[in-house]
Amino acid sequence: MSGLSIIRYGGLPGILVAIIYFSISIPFSLGVLYLLRLVDIYEKEDWSHIIFAFIWGALGSTFFALIINTTNIELASVICGQSIGNICGTVISAPIFEELLKLLAVVIILVFLRTKFNSPLDGMVYAASAGLGFKLIEDYIYIANGIAAGGVAAGLFLMLLRWIFGFLLHSLMTSFVGFSIGFATLTKDYSKKILYVLGGYLLSVGSHFLWNFSTIIVPNIPNSLCLVAILFPFLTIIYIFLNILFYIKAVNVEKNIMKEVLQNEINENLIDNNILDELLNINLRNQQKNKYIDNKLKKLYDIYMNLLASYALLKKQYLNSYNKEIYNELQEKKGVLYILKPILYY
């Protein structure tokens, strides 16, 4: 429908707006995905899993959200009238169901790729990737609807507006529940698991509700342009700040896990204290890496460190679940680590 709206109501200029939108938004999205993987400093996620989360957000989440939100708006409109129905769709249906649908990317990876999901930071990366994909298509739908309602100028205005005020919004909001799902995997207590996930989900929904509620209320206040210019950047800054706090917590959680679970590996001579220090300290790691003259050894060292971090985080998951699949992969990683150590530390 959105593509048809662009063609029917916008003609060639409308198609040009869509081309401009995707030619900027797709490279921007790929750049953000790269940064998301980059900040996962200890154990970088596979690109295939990040791209899956992004595609789920772009296609799966938006498809089902469009159906559910449209249905809920129609039901609310029949009961309360069109204007109330639209408000309910924006401030109730969208926050509840869009956040639920986006977090399914995290759940799918957790269930079907259990050994690839090991920490709160993994959850944040996957959730933010899904949110980024969702934003890509949702913004296009808004642009198409804007062109259908008010012409190309309206579509162009909406494109600029959503770029300025909501460039990372869905990623920022959904990462809260991604963190909480990852945090829930670290405990054996099922009541705590439920509490963590529910708390993260409510934070994602609440932040989404606050944003959407503000978009309805604030523009209707007389002479609200100044308030709009202050409020929405302020909310964005708050969400970014909260994500930074969650990120710092997630990194510290990974660091503490690796300290905790690798003590036996030191006793088994799989690693030594110096290797553990390199794993936990990026500066020490870079110093060791720069000692290698051969670029192949530098790349192998990066692989070794990533594998060691993955092994440690996976071991923590095994100690919480005693899952056979996790155990088997743990032994495979351990075998590779035994092979790589004498190559890099001779």
C-alpha atoms as a PDB file:
ATOM      1  CA  MET A   1       0.000   0.000   0.000  1.00  0.00           C
ATOM      2  CA  SER A   2       2.750   2.481   0.859  1.00  0.00           C
ATOM      3  CA  GLY A   3       4.516   1.958  -2.446  1.00  0.00           C
ATOM      4  CA  LEU A   4       1.233   2.433  -4.299  1.00  0.00           C
ATOM      5  CA  SER A   5       0.566   5.610  -2.299  1.00  0.00           C
ATOM      6  CA  ILE A   6       3.931   7.010  -3.372  1.00  0.00           C
ATOM      7  CA  ILE A   7       3.189   6.292  -7.040  1.00  0.00           C
ATOM      8  CA  ARG A   8      -0.486   7.253  -7.028  1.00  0.00           C
ATOM      9  CA  TYR A   9      -0.351  10.471  -5.029  1.00  0.00           C
ATOM     10  CA  GLY A  10       3.253  11.564  -5.406  1.00  0.00           C
ATOM     11  CA  GLY A  11       4.032  10.611  -8.960  1.00  0.00           C
ATOM     12  CA  LEU A  12       7.646  11.015 -10.033  1.00  0.00           C
ATOM     13  CA  PRO A  13       8.484  13.544  -7.257  1.00  0.00           C
ATOM     14  CA  GLY A  14       7.078  11.108  -4.685  1.00  0.00           C
ATOM     15  CA  ILE A  15       9.216   8.302  -6.058  1.00  0.00           C
ATOM     16  CA  LEU A  16      12.211  10.644  -5.879  1.00  0.00           C
ATOM     17  CA  VAL A  17      11.466  11.335  -2.189  1.00  0.00           C
ATOM     18  CA  ALA A  18      11.345   7.572  -1.539  1.00  0.00           C
ATOM     19  CA  ILE A  19      14.649   7.070  -3.367  1.00  0.00           C
ATOM     20  CA  ILE A  20      16.266   9.865  -1.353  1.00  0.00           C
ATOM     21  CA  TYR A  21      14.902   8.379   1.860  1.00  0.00           C
ATOM     22  CA  PHE A  22      16.220   4.869   1.262  1.00  0.00           C
ATOM     23  CA  SER A  23      19.522   6.041  -0.260  1.00  0.00           C
ATOM     24  CA  ILE A  24      20.272   7.848   3.008  1.00  0.00           C
ATOM     25  CA  SER A  25      18.496   5.620   5.539  1.00  0.00           C
ATOM     26  CA  ILE A  26      19.895   2.268   4.407  1.00  0.00           C
ATOM     27  CA  PRO A  27      23.583   3.316   4.582  1.00  0.00           C
ATOM     28  CA  PHE A  28      22.835   5.064   7.880  1.00  0.00           C
ATOM     29  CA  SER A  29      21.252   1.872   9.238  1.00  0.00           C
ATOM     30  CA  LEU A  30      24.197  -0.247   8.120  1.00  0.00           C
ATOM     31  CA  GLY A  31      26.550   2.227   9.777  1.00  0.00           C
ATOM     32  CA  VAL A  32      24.641   1.987  13.055  1.00  0.00           C
ATOM     33  CA  LEU A  33      24.667  -1.825  12.846  1.00  0.00           C
ATOM     34  CA  TYR A  34      28.437  -1.675  12.422  1.00  0.00           C
ATOM     35  CA  LEU A  35      28.734   0.554  15.502  1.00  0.00           C
ATOM     36  CA  LEU A  36      26.466  -1.756  17.514  1.00  0.00           C
ATOM     37  CA  ARG A  37      28.769  -4.659  16.755  1.00  0.00           C
ATOM     38  CA  LEU A  38      31.837  -2.524  17.429  1.00  0.00           C
ATOM     39  CA  VAL A  39      30.782  -1.544  20.970  1.00  0.00           C
ATOM     40  CA  ASP A  40      30.396  -5.224  21.878  1.00  0.00           C
ATOM     41  CA  ILE A  41      34.023  -5.118  22.961  1.00  0.00           C
ATOM     42  CA  TYR A  42      34.530  -8.605  24.401  1.00  0.00           C
ATOM     43  CA  GLU A  43      32.471 -10.955  22.236  1.00  0.00           C
ATOM     44  CA  LYS A  44      31.263  -9.632  18.900  1.00  0.00           C
ATOM     45  CA  GLU A  45      28.036 -11.128  17.560  1.00  0.00           C
ATOM     46  CA  ASP A  46      27.891 -12.854  14.188  1.00  0.00           C
ATOM     47  CA  TRP A  47      26.847 -10.520  11.387  1.00  0.00           C
ATOM     48  CA  SER A  48      24.233 -13.034  10.239  1.00  0.00           C
ATOM     49  CA  HIS A  49      22.415 -12.811  13.589  1.00  0.00           C
ATOM     50  CA  ILE A  50      22.547  -9.008  13.669  1.00  0.00           C
ATOM     51  CA  ILE A  51      21.199  -8.824  10.120  1.00  0.00           C
ATOM     52  CA  PHE A  52      18.450 -11.306  11.020  1.00  0.00           C
ATOM     53  CA  ALA A  53      17.342  -9.084  13.913  1.00  0.00           C
ATOM     54  CA  PHE A  54      17.397  -6.052  11.610  1.00  0.00           C
ATOM     55  CA  ILE A  55      15.351  -7.799   8.909  1.00  0.00           C
ATOM     56  CA  TRP A  56      12.870  -9.105  11.473  1.00  0.00           C
ATOM     57  CA  GLY A  57      12.395  -5.555  12.721  1.00  0.00           C
ATOM     58  CA  ALA A  58      12.029  -4.186   9.201  1.00  0.00           C
ATOM     59  CA  LEU A  59       9.698  -6.832   7.763  1.00  0.00           C
ATOM     60  CA  GLY A  60       8.268  -9.096  10.458  1.00  0.00           C
ATOM     61  CA  SER A  61       7.631  -6.542  13.192  1.00  0.00           C
ATOM     62  CA  THR A  62       6.285  -3.813  10.927  1.00  0.00           C
ATOM     63  CA  PHE A  63       4.013  -6.226   9.057  1.00  0.00           C
ATOM     64  CA  PHE A  64       2.332  -7.573  12.177  1.00  0.00           C
ATOM     65  CA  ALA A  65       2.336  -4.179  13.901  1.00  0.00           C
ATOM     66  CA  LEU A  66       0.520  -2.641  10.936  1.00  0.00           C
ATOM     67  CA  ILE A  67      -2.184  -5.302  11.106  1.00  0.00           C
ATOM     68  CA  ILE A  68      -2.570  -5.188  14.897  1.00  0.00           C
ATOM     69  CA  ASN A  69      -2.502  -1.391  15.215  1.00  0.00           C
ATOM     70  CA  THR A  70      -4.954  -0.930  12.343  1.00  0.00           C
ATOM     71  CA  THR A  71      -7.325  -3.485  13.867  1.00  0.00           C
ATOM     72  CA  ASN A  72      -7.110  -1.883  17.305  1.00  0.00           C
ATOM     73  CA  ILE A  73      -7.710   1.594  15.883  1.00  0.00           C
ATOM     74  CA  GLU A  74     -10.793   0.375  14.035  1.00  0.00           C
ATOM     75  CA  LEU A  75     -12.153  -1.372  17.132  1.00  0.00           C
ATOM     76  CA  ALA A  76     -11.536   1.671  19.330  1.00  0.00           C
ATOM     77  CA  SER A  77     -13.076   3.938  16.681  1.00  0.00           C
ATOM     78  CA  VAL A  78     -16.266   1.881  16.594  1.00  0.00           C
ATOM     79  CA  ILE A  79     -16.567   2.113  20.372  1.00  0.00           C
ATOM     80  CA  CYS A  80     -15.273   5.631  21.079  1.00  0.00           C
ATOM     81  CA  GLY A  81     -15.209   7.474  17.764  1.00  0.00           C
ATOM     82  CA  GLN A  82     -12.519   8.045  15.154  1.00  0.00           C
ATOM     83  CA  SER A  83     -10.456  10.669  16.996  1.00  0.00           C
ATOM     84  CA  ILE A  84     -10.280   8.623  20.219  1.00  0.00           C
ATOM     85  CA  GLY A  85      -9.566   5.508  18.177  1.00  0.00           C
ATOM     86  CA  ASN A  86      -6.552   7.164  16.548  1.00  0.00           C
ATOM     87  CA  ILE A  87      -5.267   8.309  19.934  1.00  0.00           C
ATOM     88  CA  CYS A  88      -5.670   4.808  21.396  1.00  0.00           C
ATOM     89  CA  GLY A  89      -3.768   3.363  18.468  1.00  0.00           C
ATOM     90  CA  THR A  90      -0.893   5.781  18.975  1.00  0.00           C
ATOM     91  CA  VAL A  91      -0.508   5.830  22.758  1.00  0.00           C
ATOM     92  CA  ILE A  92      -1.747   2.348  23.734  1.00  0.00           C
ATOM     93  CA  SER A  93      -1.617  -0.149  20.879  1.00  0.00           C
ATOM     94  CA  ALA A  94       1.651   1.023  19.309  1.00  0.00           C
ATOM     95  CA  PRO A  95       3.798   1.004  22.480  1.00  0.00           C
ATOM     96  CA  ILE A  96       2.451  -2.339  23.718  1.00  0.00           C
ATOM     97  CA  PHE A  97       2.503  -4.333  20.493  1.00  0.00           C
ATOM     98  CA  GLU A  98       5.400  -2.727  18.626  1.00  0.00           C
ATOM     99  CA  GLU A  99       7.753  -3.323  21.548  1.00  0.00           C
ATOM    100  CA  LEU A 100       6.447  -6.876  21.887  1.00  0.00           C
ATOM    101  CA  LEU A 101       6.965  -7.590  18.197  1.00  0.00           C
ATOM    102  CA  LYS A 102      10.451  -6.096  18.094  1.00  0.00           C
ATOM    103  CA  LEU A 103      11.638  -8.094  21.102  1.00  0.00           C
ATOM    104  CA  LEU A 104      10.601 -11.287  19.293  1.00  0.00           C
ATOM    105  CA  ALA A 105      13.859 -10.970  17.333  1.00  0.00           C
ATOM    106  CA  VAL A 106      15.725 -11.389  20.621  1.00  0.00           C
ATOM    107  CA  VAL A 107      13.480 -14.264  21.697  1.00  0.00           C
ATOM    108  CA  ILE A 108      13.922 -16.092  18.380  1.00  0.00           C
ATOM    109  CA  ILE A 109      17.713 -15.872  18.636  1.00  0.00           C
ATOM    110  CA  LEU A 110      17.586 -16.937  22.290  1.00  0.00           C
ATOM    111  CA  VAL A 111      15.421 -19.985  21.547  1.00  0.00           C
ATOM    112  CA  PHE A 112      16.835 -21.196  18.236  1.00  0.00           C
ATOM    113  CA  LEU A 113      20.447 -19.992  18.556  1.00  0.00           C
ATOM    114  CA  ARG A 114      20.833 -20.588  22.271  1.00  0.00           C
ATOM    115  CA  THR A 115      24.610 -20.813  22.238  1.00  0.00           C
ATOM    116  CA  LYS A 116      24.876 -17.424  20.487  1.00  0.00           C
ATOM    117  CA  PHE A 117      23.058 -15.482  23.199  1.00  0.00           C
ATOM    118  CA  ASN A 118      25.143 -15.132  26.341  1.00  0.00           C
ATOM    119  CA  SER A 119      24.731 -11.770  28.055  1.00  0.00           C
ATOM    120  CA  PRO A 120      22.728  -8.538  28.517  1.00  0.00           C
ATOM    121  CA  LEU A 121      24.922  -6.829  25.927  1.00  0.00           C
ATOM    122  CA  ASP A 122      23.954  -9.458  23.349  1.00  0.00           C
ATOM    123  CA  GLY A 123      20.320  -8.647  24.079  1.00  0.00           C
ATOM    124  CA  MET A 124      20.928  -4.921  23.652  1.00  0.00           C
ATOM    125  CA  VAL A 125      22.697  -5.411  20.310  1.00  0.00           C
ATOM    126  CA  TYR A 126      19.969  -7.648  18.885  1.00  0.00           C
ATOM    127  CA  ALA A 127      17.105  -5.508  20.230  1.00  0.00           C
ATOM    128  CA  ALA A 128      18.637  -2.283  18.933  1.00  0.00           C
ATOM    129  CA  SER A 129      19.162  -3.928  15.526  1.00  0.00           C
ATOM    130  CA  ALA A 130      15.493  -4.939  15.405  1.00  0.00           C
ATOM    131  CA  GLY A 131      14.462  -1.422  16.421  1.00  0.00           C
ATOM    132  CA  LEU A 132      16.609   0.052  13.676  1.00  0.00           C
ATOM    133  CA  GLY A 133      14.963  -2.170  11.063  1.00  0.00           C
ATOM    134  CA  PHE A 134      11.517  -1.272  12.379  1.00  0.00           C
ATOM    135  CA  LYS A 135      12.261   2.435  12.112  1.00  0.00           C
ATOM    136  CA  LEU A 136      13.472   2.068   8.515  1.00  0.00           C
ATOM    137  CA  ILE A 137      10.123   0.755   7.276  1.00  0.00           C
ATOM    138  CA  GLU A 138       7.867   2.641   9.698  1.00  0.00           C
ATOM    139  CA  ASP A 139       9.315   5.970   8.580  1.00  0.00           C
ATOM    140  CA  TYR A 140       8.749   5.005   4.949  1.00  0.00           C
ATOM    141  CA  ILE A 141       5.104   4.204   5.743  1.00  0.00           C
ATOM    142  CA  TYR A 142       4.684   7.607   7.408  1.00  0.00           C
ATOM    143  CA  ILE A 143       6.251   9.327   4.395  1.00  0.00           C
ATOM    144  CA  ALA A 144       3.961   7.465   1.986  1.00  0.00           C
ATOM    145  CA  ASN A 145       0.891   8.285   4.070  1.00  0.00           C
ATOM    146  CA  GLY A 146       2.019  11.909   4.255  1.00  0.00           C
ATOM    147  CA  ILE A 147       2.264  12.077   0.477  1.00  0.00           C
ATOM    148  CA  ALA A 148      -1.191  10.482   0.162  1.00  0.00           C
ATOM    149  CA  ALA A 149      -2.705  13.007   2.589  1.00  0.00           C
ATOM    150  CA  GLY A 150      -0.876  16.221   1.751  1.00  0.00           C
ATOM    151  CA  GLY A 151       1.281  15.721  -1.297  1.00  0.00           C
ATOM    152  CA  VAL A 152       5.017  15.473  -1.812  1.00  0.00           C
ATOM    153  CA  ALA A 153       5.773  18.476   0.422  1.00  0.00           C
ATOM    154  CA  ALA A 154       4.025  16.778   3.354  1.00  0.00           C
ATOM    155  CA  GLY A 155       5.945  13.560   2.766  1.00  0.00           C
ATOM    156  CA  LEU A 156       9.243  15.418   2.568  1.00  0.00           C
ATOM    157  CA  PHE A 157       8.412  17.323   5.765  1.00  0.00           C
ATOM    158  CA  LEU A 158       7.624  14.079   7.612  1.00  0.00           C
ATOM    159  CA  MET A 159      10.858  12.533   6.393  1.00  0.00           C
ATOM    160  CA  LEU A 160      12.905  15.423   7.766  1.00  0.00           C
ATOM    161  CA  LEU A 161      10.879  15.555  10.983  1.00  0.00           C
ATOM    162  CA  ARG A 162      11.373  11.868  11.772  1.00  0.00           C
ATOM    163  CA  TRP A 163      15.053  12.041  10.909  1.00  0.00           C
ATOM    164  CA  ILE A 164      15.597  14.999  13.223  1.00  0.00           C
ATOM    165  CA  PHE A 165      13.554  13.862  16.227  1.00  0.00           C
ATOM    166  CA  GLY A 166      13.532  10.073  16.018  1.00  0.00           C
ATOM    167  CA  PHE A 167      16.702   8.933  14.271  1.00  0.00           C
ATOM    168  CA  LEU A 168      17.473   6.157  16.801  1.00  0.00           C
ATOM    169  CA  LEU A 169      14.255   6.138  18.785  1.00  0.00           C
ATOM    170  CA  HIS A 170      13.104   2.545  18.258  1.00  0.00           C
ATOM    171  CA  SER A 171      16.593   1.171  18.887  1.00  0.00           C
ATOM    172  CA  LEU A 172      16.927   3.156  22.103  1.00  0.00           C
ATOM    173  CA  MET A 173      13.548   2.036  23.450  1.00  0.00           C
ATOM    174  CA  THR A 174      13.748  -1.646  22.553  1.00  0.00           C
ATOM    175  CA  SER A 175      17.284  -2.060  23.892  1.00  0.00           C
ATOM    176  CA  PHE A 176      15.867  -1.821  27.439  1.00  0.00           C
ATOM    177  CA  VAL A 177      13.988  -5.094  27.111  1.00  0.00           C
ATOM    178  CA  GLY A 178      16.902  -6.610  25.187  1.00  0.00           C
ATOM    179  CA  PHE A 179      19.145  -5.930  28.173  1.00  0.00           C
ATOM    180  CA  SER A 180      16.611  -7.409  30.582  1.00  0.00           C
ATOM    181  CA  ILE A 181      16.220 -10.617  28.557  1.00  0.00           C
ATOM    182  CA  GLY A 182      19.995 -11.048  28.532  1.00  0.00           C
ATOM    183  CA  PHE A 183      20.162 -10.324  32.252  1.00  0.00           C
ATOM    184  CA  ALA A 184      17.443 -12.906  32.906  1.00  0.00           C
ATOM    185  CA  THR A 185      19.593 -15.642  31.345  1.00  0.00           C
ATOM    186  CA  LEU A 186      22.175 -15.153  34.103  1.00  0.00           C
ATOM    187  CA  THR A 187      19.977 -16.375  36.952  1.00  0.00           C
ATOM    188  CA  LYS A 188      18.488 -19.774  37.765  1.00  0.00           C
ATOM    189  CA  ASP A 189      15.591 -18.211  39.673  1.00  0.00           C
ATOM    190  CA  TYR A 190      12.549 -18.249  37.370  1.00  0.00           C
ATOM    191  CA  SER A 191      10.704 -15.638  39.408  1.00  0.00           C
ATOM    192  CA  LYS A 192      13.651 -13.283  38.880  1.00  0.00           C
ATOM    193  CA  LYS A 193      13.735 -14.127  35.173  1.00  0.00           C
ATOM    194  CA  ILE A 194      10.089 -13.081  34.847  1.00  0.00           C
ATOM    195  CA  LEU A 195      10.667  -9.958  36.934  1.00  0.00           C
ATOM    196  CA  TYR A 196      13.673  -8.844  34.870  1.00  0.00           C
ATOM    197  CA  VAL A 197      11.966  -9.372  31.509  1.00  0.00           C
ATOM    198  CA  LEU A 198       8.720  -7.763  32.629  1.00  0.00           C
ATOM    199  CA  GLY A 199      10.585  -4.778  34.066  1.00  0.00           C
ATOM    200  CA  GLY A 200      12.555  -4.256  30.862  1.00  0.00           C
ATOM    201  CA  TYR A 201       9.448  -4.627  28.714  1.00  0.00           C
ATOM    202  CA  LEU A 202       7.536  -2.091  30.816  1.00  0.00           C
ATOM    203  CA  LEU A 203      10.442   0.349  30.525  1.00  0.00           C
ATOM    204  CA  SER A 204      10.440  -0.052  26.732  1.00  0.00           C
ATOM    205  CA  VAL A 205       6.660   0.347  26.553  1.00  0.00           C
ATOM    206  CA  GLY A 206       6.710   3.274  28.987  1.00  0.00           C
ATOM    207  CA  SER A 207       9.358   5.182  27.051  1.00  0.00           C
ATOM    208  CA  HIS A 208       7.456   4.505  23.813  1.00  0.00           C
ATOM    209  CA  PHE A 209       4.185   5.634  25.416  1.00  0.00           C
ATOM    210  CA  LEU A 210       5.766   8.857  26.718  1.00  0.00           C
ATOM    211  CA  TRP A 211       7.104   9.740  23.283  1.00  0.00           C
ATOM    212  CA  ASN A 212       3.873   8.982  21.424  1.00  0.00           C
ATOM    213  CA  PHE A 213       1.736  10.711  24.051  1.00  0.00           C
ATOM    214  CA  SER A 214       3.911  13.809  23.726  1.00  0.00           C
ATOM    215  CA  THR A 215       3.510  13.838  19.932  1.00  0.00           C
ATOM    216  CA  ILE A 216      -0.265  14.057  20.381  1.00  0.00           C
ATOM    217  CA  ILE A 217      -0.514  16.464  23.312  1.00  0.00           C
ATOM    218  CA  VAL A 218       2.313  18.957  22.777  1.00  0.00           C
ATOM    219  CA  PRO A 219       1.583  20.065  19.169  1.00  0.00           C
ATOM    220  CA  ASN A 220      -2.002  20.909  20.212  1.00  0.00           C
ATOM    221  CA  ILE A 221      -0.798  23.363  22.858  1.00  0.00           C
ATOM    222  CA  PRO A 222      -0.994  26.977  21.582  1.00  0.00           C
ATOM    223  CA  ASN A 223       2.397  28.401  20.520  1.00  0.00           C
ATOM    224  CA  SER A 224       4.037  25.050  21.191  1.00  0.00           C
ATOM    225  CA  LEU A 225       6.808  25.255  18.585  1.00  0.00           C
ATOM    226  CA  CYS A 226       9.414  26.200  21.174  1.00  0.00           C
ATOM    227  CA  LEU A 227       8.219  23.400  23.473  1.00  0.00           C
ATOM    228  CA  VAL A 228       8.449  20.880  20.624  1.00  0.00           C
ATOM    229  CA  ALA A 229      11.998  22.022  19.847  1.00  0.00           C
ATOM    230  CA  ILE A 230      12.976  21.432  23.481  1.00  0.00           C
ATOM    231  CA  LEU A 231      10.919  18.409  24.569  1.00  0.00           C
ATOM    232  CA  PHE A 232      11.682  15.858  21.857  1.00  0.00           C
ATOM    233  CA  PRO A 233      15.463  16.392  21.821  1.00  0.00           C
ATOM    234  CA  PHE A 234      15.319  16.279  25.632  1.00  0.00           C
ATOM    235  CA  LEU A 235      13.515  12.917  25.592  1.00  0.00           C
ATOM    236  CA  THR A 236      16.009  11.604  23.046  1.00  0.00           C
ATOM    237  CA  ILE A 237      18.907  12.675  25.279  1.00  0.00           C
ATOM    238  CA  ILE A 238      17.276  10.966  28.278  1.00  0.00           C
ATOM    239  CA  TYR A 239      16.848   7.722  26.321  1.00  0.00           C
ATOM    240  CA  ILE A 240      20.454   7.894  25.101  1.00  0.00           C
ATOM    241  CA  PHE A 241      21.668   8.518  28.659  1.00  0.00           C
ATOM    242  CA  LEU A 242      19.700   5.525  29.972  1.00  0.00           C
ATOM    243  CA  ASN A 243      21.128   3.353  27.204  1.00  0.00           C
ATOM    244  CA  ILE A 244      24.643   4.440  28.145  1.00  0.00           C
ATOM    245  CA  LEU A 245      23.975   3.424  31.761  1.00  0.00           C
ATOM    246  CA  PHE A 246      22.580   0.061  30.639  1.00  0.00           C
ATOM    247  CA  TYR A 247      25.557  -0.408  28.309  1.00  0.00           C
ATOM    248  CA  ILE A 248      28.078   0.283  31.087  1.00  0.00           C
ATOM    249  CA  LYS A 249      26.243  -2.187  33.315  1.00  0.00           C
ATOM    250  CA  ALA A 250      26.199  -4.803  30.537  1.00  0.00           C
ATOM    251  CA  VAL A 251      29.945  -4.452  29.899  1.00  0.00           C
ATOM    252  CA  ASN A 252      30.700  -4.753  33.613  1.00  0.00           C
ATOM    253  CA  VAL A 253      28.491  -7.840  33.837  1.00  0.00           C
ATOM    254  CA  GLU A 254      30.485  -9.507  31.044  1.00  0.00           C
ATOM    255  CA  LYS A 255      33.766  -8.504  32.668  1.00  0.00           C
ATOM    256  CA  ASN A 256      32.754  -9.924  36.041  1.00  0.00           C
ATOM    257  CA  ILE A 257      31.512 -13.155  34.463  1.00  0.00           C
ATOM    258  CA  MET A 258      34.842 -13.712  32.719  1.00  0.00           C
ATOM    259  CA  LYS A 259      36.748 -13.065  35.946  1.00  0.00           C
ATOM    260  CA  GLU A 260      34.510 -15.500  37.784  1.00  0.00           C
ATOM    261  CA  VAL A 261      34.315 -18.462  35.440  1.00  0.00           C
ATOM    262  CA  LEU A 262      37.850 -18.612  34.006  1.00  0.00           C
ATOM    263  CA  GLN A 263      39.669 -19.423  37.254  1.00  0.00           C
ATOM    264  CA  ASN A 264      39.483 -23.164  36.602  1.00  0.00           C
ATOM    265  CA  GLU A 265      40.886 -22.629  33.113  1.00  0.00           C
ATOM    266  CA  ILE A 266      43.941 -20.982  34.684  1.00  0.00           C
ATOM    267  CA  ASN A 267      44.418 -24.054  36.880  1.00  0.00           C
ATOM    268  CA  GLU A 268      44.036 -26.289  33.811  1.00  0.00           C
ATOM    269  CA  ASN A 269      46.642 -24.196  31.946  1.00  0.00           C
ATOM    270  CA  LEU A 270      44.156 -23.341  29.204  1.00  0.00           C
ATOM    271  CA  ILE A 271      45.056 -19.706  29.910  1.00  0.00           C
ATOM    272  CA  ASP A 272      47.216 -17.871  32.429  1.00  0.00           C
ATOM    273  CA  ASN A 273      46.705 -14.712  34.471  1.00  0.00           C
ATOM    274  CA  ASN A 274      48.365 -12.544  31.824  1.00  0.00           C
ATOM    275  CA  ILE A 275      45.967 -13.784  29.152  1.00  0.00           C
ATOM    276  CA  LEU A 276      43.014 -13.128  31.452  1.00  0.00           C
ATOM    277  CA  ASP A 277      44.299  -9.597  32.061  1.00  0.00           C
ATOM    278  CA  GLU A 278      44.545  -9.041  28.299  1.00  0.00           C
ATOM    279  CA  LEU A 279      41.000 -10.291  27.846  1.00  0.00           C
ATOM    280  CA  LEU A 280      39.633  -7.876  30.437  1.00  0.00           C
ATOM    281  CA  ASN A 281      41.770  -4.845  29.559  1.00  0.00           C
ATOM    282  CA  ILE A 282      41.543  -3.427  26.036  1.00  0.00           C
ATOM    283  CA  ASN A 283      44.806  -1.485  26.389  1.00  0.00           C
ATOM    284  CA  LEU A 284      46.733  -4.599  27.392  1.00  0.00           C
ATOM    285  CA  ARG A 285      45.102  -6.461  24.537  1.00  0.00           C
ATOM    286  CA  ASN A 286      46.203  -3.836  22.021  1.00  0.00           C
ATOM    287  CA  GLN A 287      49.739  -3.898  23.410  1.00  0.00           C
ATOM    288  CA  GLN A 288      49.933  -7.668  22.985  1.00  0.00           C
ATOM    289  CA  LYS A 289      48.409  -7.481  19.512  1.00  0.00           C
ATOM    290  CA  ASN A 290      50.978  -4.894  18.389  1.00  0.00           C
ATOM    291  CA  LYS A 291      53.789  -7.265  19.341  1.00  0.00           C
ATOM    292  CA  TYR A 292      52.885  -9.439  16.354  1.00  0.00           C
ATOM    293  CA  ILE A 293      54.547  -8.317  13.143  1.00  0.00           C
ATOM    294  CA  ASP A 294      52.569 -10.662  10.906  1.00  0.00           C
ATOM    295  CA  ASN A 295      49.054  -9.326  10.199  1.00  0.00           C
ATOM    296  CA  LYS A 296      47.771 -12.891  10.077  1.00  0.00           C
ATOM    297  CA  LEU A 297      48.846 -13.372  13.683  1.00  0.00           C
ATOM    298  CA  LYS A 298      47.138 -10.107  14.633  1.00  0.00           C
ATOM    299  CA  LYS A 299      43.887 -11.351  13.106  1.00  0.00           C
ATOM    300  CA  LEU A 300      44.345 -14.730  14.771  1.00  0.00           C
ATOM    301  CA  TYR A 301      44.854 -12.969  18.105  1.00  0.00           C
ATOM    302  CA  ASP A 302      41.562 -11.092  17.662  1.00  0.00           C
ATOM    303  CA  ILE A 303      39.842 -14.395  16.896  1.00  0.00           C
ATOM    304  CA  TYR A 304      41.431 -15.972  19.975  1.00  0.00           C
ATOM    305  CA  MET A 305      40.292 -13.174  22.300  1.00  0.00           C
ATOM    306  CA  ASN A 306      36.769 -13.189  20.881  1.00  0.00           C
ATOM    307  CA  LEU A 307      36.634 -16.978  21.228  1.00  0.00           C
ATOM    308  CA  LEU A 308      37.902 -16.842  24.810  1.00  0.00           C
ATOM    309  CA  ALA A 309      35.266 -14.263  25.759  1.00  0.00           C
ATOM    310  CA  SER A 310      32.597 -16.324  24.032  1.00  0.00           C
ATOM    311  CA  TYR A 311      33.783 -19.436  25.890  1.00  0.00           C
ATOM    312  CA  ALA A 312      33.604 -17.667  29.264  1.00  0.00           C
ATOM    313  CA  LEU A 313      30.124 -16.232  28.708  1.00  0.00           C
ATOM    314  CA  LEU A 314      28.885 -19.545  27.343  1.00  0.00           C
ATOM    315  CA  LYS A 315      30.294 -21.342  30.375  1.00  0.00           C
ATOM    316  CA  LYS A 316      28.235 -19.060  32.612  1.00  0.00           C
ATOM    317  CA  GLN A 317      25.126 -19.995  30.627  1.00  0.00           C
ATOM    318  CA  TYR A 318      25.978 -23.678  31.009  1.00  0.00           C
ATOM    319  CA  LEU A 319      26.411 -23.343  34.779  1.00  0.00           C
ATOM    320  CA  ASN A 320      22.927 -21.823  34.928  1.00  0.00           C
ATOM    321  CA  SER A 321      21.230 -24.412  32.720  1.00  0.00           C
ATOM    322  CA  TYR A 322      23.427 -27.526  32.230  1.00  0.00           C
ATOM    323  CA  ASN A 323      22.121 -27.549  28.675  1.00  0.00           C
ATOM    324  CA  LYS A 324      23.686 -30.340  26.582  1.00  0.00           C
ATOM    325  CA  GLU A 325      23.855 -28.225  23.417  1.00  0.00           C
ATOM    326  CA  ILE A 326      25.728 -25.514  25.316  1.00  0.00           C
ATOM    327  CA  TYR A 327      28.065 -28.115  26.839  1.00  0.00           C
ATOM    328  CA  ASN A 328      28.948 -29.569  23.430  1.00  0.00           C
ATOM    329  CA  GLU A 329      29.773 -26.164  21.963  1.00  0.00           C
ATOM    330  CA  LEU A 330      31.722 -25.300  25.091  1.00  0.00           C
ATOM    331  CA  GLN A 331      33.951 -28.334  24.572  1.00  0.00           C
ATOM    332  CA  GLU A 332      34.480 -27.428  20.906  1.00  0.00           C
ATOM    333  CA  LYS A 333      35.560 -23.912  21.838  1.00  0.00           C
ATOM    334  CA  LYS A 334      37.840 -25.267  24.543  1.00  0.00           C
ATOM    335  CA  GLY A 335      39.563 -27.548  22.054  1.00  0.00           C
ATOM    336  CA  VAL A 336      40.212 -24.670  19.653  1.00  0.00           C
ATOM    337  CA  LEU A 337      41.563 -22.514  22.488  1.00  0.00           C
ATOM    338  CA  TYR A 338      44.050 -25.258  23.386  1.00  0.00           C
ATOM    339  CA  ILE A 339      45.240 -25.284  19.766  1.00  0.00           C
ATOM    340  CA  LEU A 340      45.556 -21.503  19.382  1.00  0.00           C
ATOM    341  CA  LYS A 341      47.344 -20.726  22.639  1.00  0.00           C
ATOM    342  CA  PRO A 342      50.797 -22.162  21.726  1.00  0.00           C
ATOM    343  CA  ILE A 343      50.612 -20.468  18.315  1.00  0.00           C
ATOM    344  CA  LEU A 344      50.109 -17.020  19.861  1.00  0.00           C
ATOM    345  CA  TYR A 345      52.082 -17.432  23.091  1.00  0.00           C
ATOM    346  CA  TYR A 346      55.392 -19.060  22.255  1.00  0.00           C
END
